[in-house]
């Protein structure tokens, strides 16, 4: 898994690529939690999954945990760029019912700020 981040206007934008599975979820969870704890002005999260080729239940759990954390603080979580395969997993898991899916980062950013 590779990870890039941007922080802008109370939004944490995380771009992920590779496989999001049990082998990398602790790292991803810790990274996102550290960012949220370091900057209490972060209210929304955008996760760009365009480069993600696979996500398992552990990866879904990290996404759900960050969604719960950010929503308790009044924030929202957005999903961008999921491939058809990854999108199907998100859909079956129900995550797309609680997280907003956007066609691109620009649209997600406009809804998040």
C-alpha atoms as a PDB file:
ATOM      1  CA  UNK A   1       0.000   0.000   0.000  1.00  0.00           C
ATOM      2  CA  UNK A   2       1.117   3.511  -0.775  1.00  0.00           C
ATOM      3  CA  UNK A   3      -0.353   6.578   0.882  1.00  0.00           C
ATOM      4  CA  UNK A   4      -0.303  10.290   0.086  1.00  0.00           C
ATOM      5  CA  UNK A   5      -2.039  12.993   2.070  1.00  0.00           C
ATOM      6  CA  UNK A   6      -3.118  16.591   1.772  1.00  0.00           C
ATOM      7  CA  UNK A   7      -4.705  18.755   4.411  1.00  0.00           C
ATOM      8  CA  UNK A   8      -6.755  21.746   3.361  1.00  0.00           C
ATOM      9  CA  UNK A   9      -9.537  23.719   4.995  1.00  0.00           C
ATOM     10  CA  UNK A  10     -10.377  21.165   7.668  1.00  0.00           C
ATOM     11  CA  UNK A  11     -10.258  18.263   5.217  1.00  0.00           C
ATOM     12  CA  UNK A  12      -7.879  15.299   5.318  1.00  0.00           C
ATOM     13  CA  UNK A  13      -7.440  13.953   1.783  1.00  0.00           C
ATOM     14  CA  UNK A  14      -5.852  10.500   1.689  1.00  0.00           C
ATOM     15  CA  UNK A  15      -4.855   8.911  -1.622  1.00  0.00           C
ATOM     16  CA  UNK A  16      -4.325   5.167  -1.372  1.00  0.00           C
ATOM     17  CA  UNK A  17      -2.932   2.684  -3.849  1.00  0.00           C
ATOM     18  CA  UNK A  18      -2.178  -1.016  -3.844  1.00  0.00           C
ATOM     19  CA  UNK A  19      -3.901  -3.597  -1.681  1.00  0.00           C
ATOM     20  CA  UNK A  20      -5.674  -2.583   1.532  1.00  0.00           C
ATOM     21  CA  UNK A  21      -5.621  -5.785   3.540  1.00  0.00           C
ATOM     22  CA  UNK A  22      -4.815  -7.074   7.004  1.00  0.00           C
ATOM     23  CA  UNK A  23      -1.085  -6.645   6.376  1.00  0.00           C
ATOM     24  CA  UNK A  24      -1.373  -2.835   6.122  1.00  0.00           C
ATOM     25  CA  UNK A  25      -4.485  -1.870   8.068  1.00  0.00           C
ATOM     26  CA  UNK A  26      -2.706  -1.149  11.368  1.00  0.00           C
ATOM     27  CA  UNK A  27      -0.444   1.306   9.571  1.00  0.00           C
ATOM     28  CA  UNK A  28      -3.385   2.970   7.795  1.00  0.00           C
ATOM     29  CA  UNK A  29      -5.487   3.172  10.966  1.00  0.00           C
ATOM     30  CA  UNK A  30      -2.630   4.622  13.009  1.00  0.00           C
ATOM     31  CA  UNK A  31      -1.741   7.132  10.317  1.00  0.00           C
ATOM     32  CA  UNK A  32      -5.274   8.463   9.940  1.00  0.00           C
ATOM     33  CA  UNK A  33      -5.871   8.552  13.702  1.00  0.00           C
ATOM     34  CA  UNK A  34      -2.612  10.446  14.267  1.00  0.00           C
ATOM     35  CA  UNK A  35      -3.598  13.037  11.659  1.00  0.00           C
ATOM     36  CA  UNK A  36      -7.050  13.473  13.229  1.00  0.00           C
ATOM     37  CA  UNK A  37      -5.592  13.796  16.726  1.00  0.00           C
ATOM     38  CA  UNK A  38      -2.803  16.163  15.678  1.00  0.00           C
ATOM     39  CA  UNK A  39      -5.155  18.620  13.976  1.00  0.00           C
ATOM     40  CA  UNK A  40      -8.469  19.013  15.763  1.00  0.00           C
ATOM     41  CA  UNK A  41      -9.650  21.337  12.968  1.00  0.00           C
ATOM     42  CA  UNK A  42      -9.947  18.328  10.630  1.00  0.00           C
ATOM     43  CA  UNK A  43     -13.663  17.704  10.281  1.00  0.00           C
ATOM     44  CA  UNK A  44     -13.943  15.726   7.049  1.00  0.00           C
ATOM     45  CA  UNK A  45     -12.043  12.917   5.323  1.00  0.00           C
ATOM     46  CA  UNK A  46     -11.792  12.231   1.606  1.00  0.00           C
ATOM     47  CA  UNK A  47     -10.381   8.821   0.685  1.00  0.00           C
ATOM     48  CA  UNK A  48      -9.267   8.476  -2.925  1.00  0.00           C
ATOM     49  CA  UNK A  49      -9.260   4.785  -3.813  1.00  0.00           C
ATOM     50  CA  UNK A  50      -8.383   5.194  -7.508  1.00  0.00           C
ATOM     51  CA  UNK A  51      -5.136   3.258  -7.087  1.00  0.00           C
ATOM     52  CA  UNK A  52      -6.552   0.533  -4.835  1.00  0.00           C
ATOM     53  CA  UNK A  53      -6.707  -2.886  -6.470  1.00  0.00           C
ATOM     54  CA  UNK A  54      -8.160  -4.817  -3.518  1.00  0.00           C
ATOM     55  CA  UNK A  55      -9.728  -4.176  -0.120  1.00  0.00           C
ATOM     56  CA  UNK A  56     -10.602  -6.858   2.442  1.00  0.00           C
ATOM     57  CA  UNK A  57     -12.729  -6.845   5.593  1.00  0.00           C
ATOM     58  CA  UNK A  58      -9.856  -5.444   7.660  1.00  0.00           C
ATOM     59  CA  UNK A  59      -9.592  -2.509   5.261  1.00  0.00           C
ATOM     60  CA  UNK A  60     -13.348  -2.001   5.418  1.00  0.00           C
ATOM     61  CA  UNK A  61     -13.075  -2.006   9.205  1.00  0.00           C
ATOM     62  CA  UNK A  62     -10.505   0.805   9.120  1.00  0.00           C
ATOM     63  CA  UNK A  63     -12.771   2.837   6.844  1.00  0.00           C
ATOM     64  CA  UNK A  64     -15.778   2.249   9.100  1.00  0.00           C
ATOM     65  CA  UNK A  65     -13.818   3.134  12.235  1.00  0.00           C
ATOM     66  CA  UNK A  66     -12.598   6.444  10.771  1.00  0.00           C
ATOM     67  CA  UNK A  67     -16.158   7.181   9.570  1.00  0.00           C
ATOM     68  CA  UNK A  68     -17.504   6.653  13.090  1.00  0.00           C
ATOM     69  CA  UNK A  69     -14.770   8.802  14.597  1.00  0.00           C
ATOM     70  CA  UNK A  70     -15.267  11.696  12.178  1.00  0.00           C
ATOM     71  CA  UNK A  71     -19.081  11.537  12.255  1.00  0.00           C
ATOM     72  CA  UNK A  72     -19.111  11.718  16.082  1.00  0.00           C
ATOM     73  CA  UNK A  73     -17.284  15.025  15.668  1.00  0.00           C
ATOM     74  CA  UNK A  74     -19.911  16.228  13.170  1.00  0.00           C
ATOM     75  CA  UNK A  75     -17.835  15.481  10.086  1.00  0.00           C
ATOM     76  CA  UNK A  76     -18.331  13.493   6.912  1.00  0.00           C
ATOM     77  CA  UNK A  77     -16.351  10.936   4.969  1.00  0.00           C
ATOM     78  CA  UNK A  78     -16.176  10.834   1.181  1.00  0.00           C
ATOM     79  CA  UNK A  79     -15.054   8.086  -1.200  1.00  0.00           C
ATOM     80  CA  UNK A  80     -13.538   8.953  -4.584  1.00  0.00           C
ATOM     81  CA  UNK A  81     -12.350   6.908  -7.545  1.00  0.00           C
ATOM     82  CA  UNK A  82     -13.080   3.339  -6.492  1.00  0.00           C
ATOM     83  CA  UNK A  83     -12.584   0.838  -9.305  1.00  0.00           C
ATOM     84  CA  UNK A  84     -15.634  -1.292 -10.182  1.00  0.00           C
ATOM     85  CA  UNK A  85     -14.206  -4.226  -8.192  1.00  0.00           C
ATOM     86  CA  UNK A  86     -13.456  -2.154  -5.073  1.00  0.00           C
ATOM     87  CA  UNK A  87     -16.716  -0.233  -5.433  1.00  0.00           C
ATOM     88  CA  UNK A  88     -18.645  -3.512  -5.445  1.00  0.00           C
ATOM     89  CA  UNK A  89     -17.013  -4.541  -2.159  1.00  0.00           C
ATOM     90  CA  UNK A  90     -17.866  -1.143  -0.648  1.00  0.00           C
ATOM     91  CA  UNK A  91     -21.427  -1.507  -1.891  1.00  0.00           C
ATOM     92  CA  UNK A  92     -21.911  -5.037  -0.538  1.00  0.00           C
ATOM     93  CA  UNK A  93     -20.444  -4.014   2.828  1.00  0.00           C
ATOM     94  CA  UNK A  94     -22.902  -1.120   3.111  1.00  0.00           C
ATOM     95  CA  UNK A  95     -20.209   1.543   3.374  1.00  0.00           C
ATOM     96  CA  UNK A  96     -21.574   3.368   0.343  1.00  0.00           C
ATOM     97  CA  UNK A  97     -24.867   3.732   2.216  1.00  0.00           C
ATOM     98  CA  UNK A  98     -23.214   5.802   4.939  1.00  0.00           C
ATOM     99  CA  UNK A  99     -20.332   7.496   3.103  1.00  0.00           C
ATOM    100  CA  UNK A 100     -20.800   9.902   0.225  1.00  0.00           C
ATOM    101  CA  UNK A 101     -19.323   8.744  -3.073  1.00  0.00           C
ATOM    102  CA  UNK A 102     -18.053  11.487  -5.372  1.00  0.00           C
ATOM    103  CA  UNK A 103     -16.853  11.338  -8.979  1.00  0.00           C
ATOM    104  CA  UNK A 104     -13.619  13.205  -8.234  1.00  0.00           C
ATOM    105  CA  UNK A 105     -11.611  14.974  -5.538  1.00  0.00           C
ATOM    106  CA  UNK A 106     -12.776  18.414  -6.646  1.00  0.00           C
ATOM    107  CA  UNK A 107     -16.437  17.537  -6.104  1.00  0.00           C
ATOM    108  CA  UNK A 108     -15.700  15.867  -2.768  1.00  0.00           C
ATOM    109  CA  UNK A 109     -13.707  18.899  -1.632  1.00  0.00           C
ATOM    110  CA  UNK A 110     -16.549  21.254  -2.559  1.00  0.00           C
ATOM    111  CA  UNK A 111     -18.960  19.185  -0.424  1.00  0.00           C
ATOM    112  CA  UNK A 112     -16.494  18.798   2.441  1.00  0.00           C
ATOM    113  CA  UNK A 113     -15.613  22.447   3.032  1.00  0.00           C
END
